[in-house]
Amino acid sequence: MQDIRPTMAVLRILTAFLDDLEEPQYGYQLMKATRFSSAKTYQILARLRTAGWLDRSDDPEASSRSGGPSRITYRLQEAAVPKARHLLAEARKEFAPPRRNSHRGRSDDRP
């Protein structure tokens, strides 16, 4: 599994996967969850898959229901889950608003 560059877009896709690890995700679901275009969504999915973070599979039942081609599903690999959580935690720290000093403006010699 290769490291990936954690852009904000990648982090949003990873968040969508982490929100429901039990269910495979469809590209269209991820587009709706992130509000990304199809091009952006599928570029990120391709990068994650190439880096070994995602499994991709066909959902043959989707074609029998819709009459069209089978849908492709994506699932975050088990080994990628802790890495994804770590990237998100690091991003939260980096982009968190600065803490305010609750004692600002107070004199230390006040009773």
Protein backbone atom coordinates (compact mmCIF):
# COMPACT_ATOMS: atom_id res chain seq x y z
CA MET A 1 0.00 0.00 0.00
CA GLN A 2 1.44 3.33 -1.08
CA ASP A 3 1.11 6.65 0.71
CA ILE A 4 -1.23 9.17 -0.84
CA ARG A 5 -1.24 12.94 -0.82
CA PRO A 6 -4.09 13.94 1.51
CA THR A 7 -5.76 16.75 -0.41
CA MET A 8 -9.05 18.06 0.93
CA ALA A 9 -10.84 16.22 -1.89
CA VAL A 10 -9.16 12.92 -1.01
CA LEU A 11 -10.04 13.44 2.65
CA ARG A 12 -13.71 13.99 1.77
CA ILE A 13 -13.81 10.75 -0.22
CA LEU A 14 -12.10 8.87 2.62
CA THR A 15 -14.60 10.32 5.09
CA ALA A 16 -17.46 8.97 2.98
CA PHE A 17 -15.90 5.49 3.09
CA LEU A 18 -15.25 5.67 6.84
CA ASP A 19 -18.84 6.77 7.51
CA ASP A 20 -20.02 3.27 6.48
CA LEU A 21 -17.31 0.65 6.33
CA GLU A 22 -19.79 -2.21 6.02
CA GLU A 23 -21.36 -1.18 2.73
CA PRO A 24 -19.54 -0.92 -0.58
CA GLN A 25 -19.74 2.50 -2.21
CA TYR A 26 -20.80 3.37 -5.74
CA GLY A 27 -19.21 6.28 -7.58
CA TYR A 28 -22.59 8.00 -7.82
CA GLN A 29 -23.11 7.71 -4.05
CA LEU A 30 -19.72 9.28 -3.47
CA MET A 31 -20.51 12.07 -5.93
CA LYS A 32 -23.68 12.87 -3.99
CA ALA A 33 -21.94 12.66 -0.60
CA THR A 34 -19.05 14.92 -1.62
CA ARG A 35 -20.79 17.07 -4.26
CA PHE A 36 -17.85 16.44 -6.59
CA SER A 37 -18.17 16.07 -10.34
CA SER A 38 -17.94 12.60 -11.81
CA ALA A 39 -14.50 13.40 -13.25
CA LYS A 40 -13.11 14.49 -9.90
CA THR A 41 -14.69 11.57 -8.02
CA TYR A 42 -13.43 8.92 -10.41
CA GLN A 43 -9.94 10.47 -10.59
CA ILE A 44 -9.66 10.23 -6.81
CA LEU A 45 -11.04 6.68 -6.80
CA ALA A 46 -8.47 5.71 -9.44
CA ARG A 47 -5.64 7.22 -7.38
CA LEU A 48 -6.78 5.43 -4.22
CA ARG A 49 -7.13 2.17 -6.09
CA THR A 50 -3.72 2.47 -7.76
CA ALA A 51 -2.17 3.18 -4.34
CA GLY A 52 -3.79 -0.01 -3.00
CA TRP A 53 -6.29 1.67 -0.68
CA LEU A 54 -9.47 0.48 -2.42
CA ASP A 55 -10.91 -2.75 -3.72
CA ARG A 56 -13.07 -2.49 -6.84
CA SER A 57 -15.68 -5.03 -7.88
CA ASP A 58 -18.66 -5.42 -10.17
CA ASP A 59 -22.14 -5.61 -8.67
CA PRO A 60 -23.90 -8.00 -11.07
CA GLU A 61 -27.22 -7.68 -9.23
CA ALA A 62 -27.40 -4.01 -10.20
CA SER A 63 -27.52 -4.90 -13.90
CA SER A 64 -30.43 -7.30 -13.44
CA ARG A 65 -32.39 -4.63 -11.55
CA SER A 66 -31.66 -1.78 -13.95
CA GLY A 67 -31.27 -3.66 -17.21
CA GLY A 68 -27.98 -1.84 -17.83
CA PRO A 69 -24.37 -2.69 -17.25
CA SER A 70 -23.22 -3.89 -13.86
CA ARG A 71 -22.33 -1.22 -11.37
CA ILE A 72 -18.85 -0.95 -9.95
CA THR A 73 -18.49 -0.80 -6.19
CA TYR A 74 -15.56 0.33 -4.12
CA ARG A 75 -14.56 -0.67 -0.62
CA LEU A 76 -11.81 0.73 1.57
CA GLN A 77 -9.30 -2.05 2.25
CA GLU A 78 -9.06 -3.12 5.86
CA ALA A 79 -5.38 -2.16 6.02
CA ALA A 80 -6.23 1.34 4.74
CA VAL A 81 -8.77 2.10 7.49
CA PRO A 82 -6.25 3.09 10.20
CA LYS A 83 -4.23 5.08 7.65
CA ALA A 84 -7.35 6.94 6.51
CA ARG A 85 -8.32 7.69 10.12
CA HIS A 86 -4.80 8.96 10.81
CA LEU A 87 -4.86 11.27 7.77
CA LEU A 88 -8.22 12.68 8.86
CA ALA A 89 -7.04 13.21 12.43
CA GLU A 90 -3.92 15.01 11.21
CA ALA A 91 -6.00 17.22 8.92
CA ARG A 92 -8.34 18.13 11.78
CA LYS A 93 -5.36 19.20 13.89
CA GLU A 94 -3.80 21.17 11.06
CA PHE A 95 -6.98 23.00 10.08
CA ALA A 96 -8.50 23.41 13.54
CA PRO A 97 -9.10 27.02 14.55
CA PRO A 98 -6.58 28.32 17.07
CA ARG A 99 -7.58 27.94 20.69
CA ARG A 100 -8.35 31.09 22.56
CA ASN A 101 -6.63 31.72 25.84
CA SER A 102 -9.47 31.78 28.37
CA HIS A 103 -7.32 33.77 30.80
CA ARG A 104 -6.49 36.57 28.39
CA GLY A 105 -6.90 40.00 29.87
CA ARG A 106 -7.08 38.76 33.44
CA SER A 107 -4.56 39.73 36.02
CA ASP A 108 -2.88 36.89 37.90
CA ASP A 109 -3.16 38.76 41.20
CA ARG A 110 -6.97 38.88 41.20
CA PRO A 111 -8.56 37.15 44.17
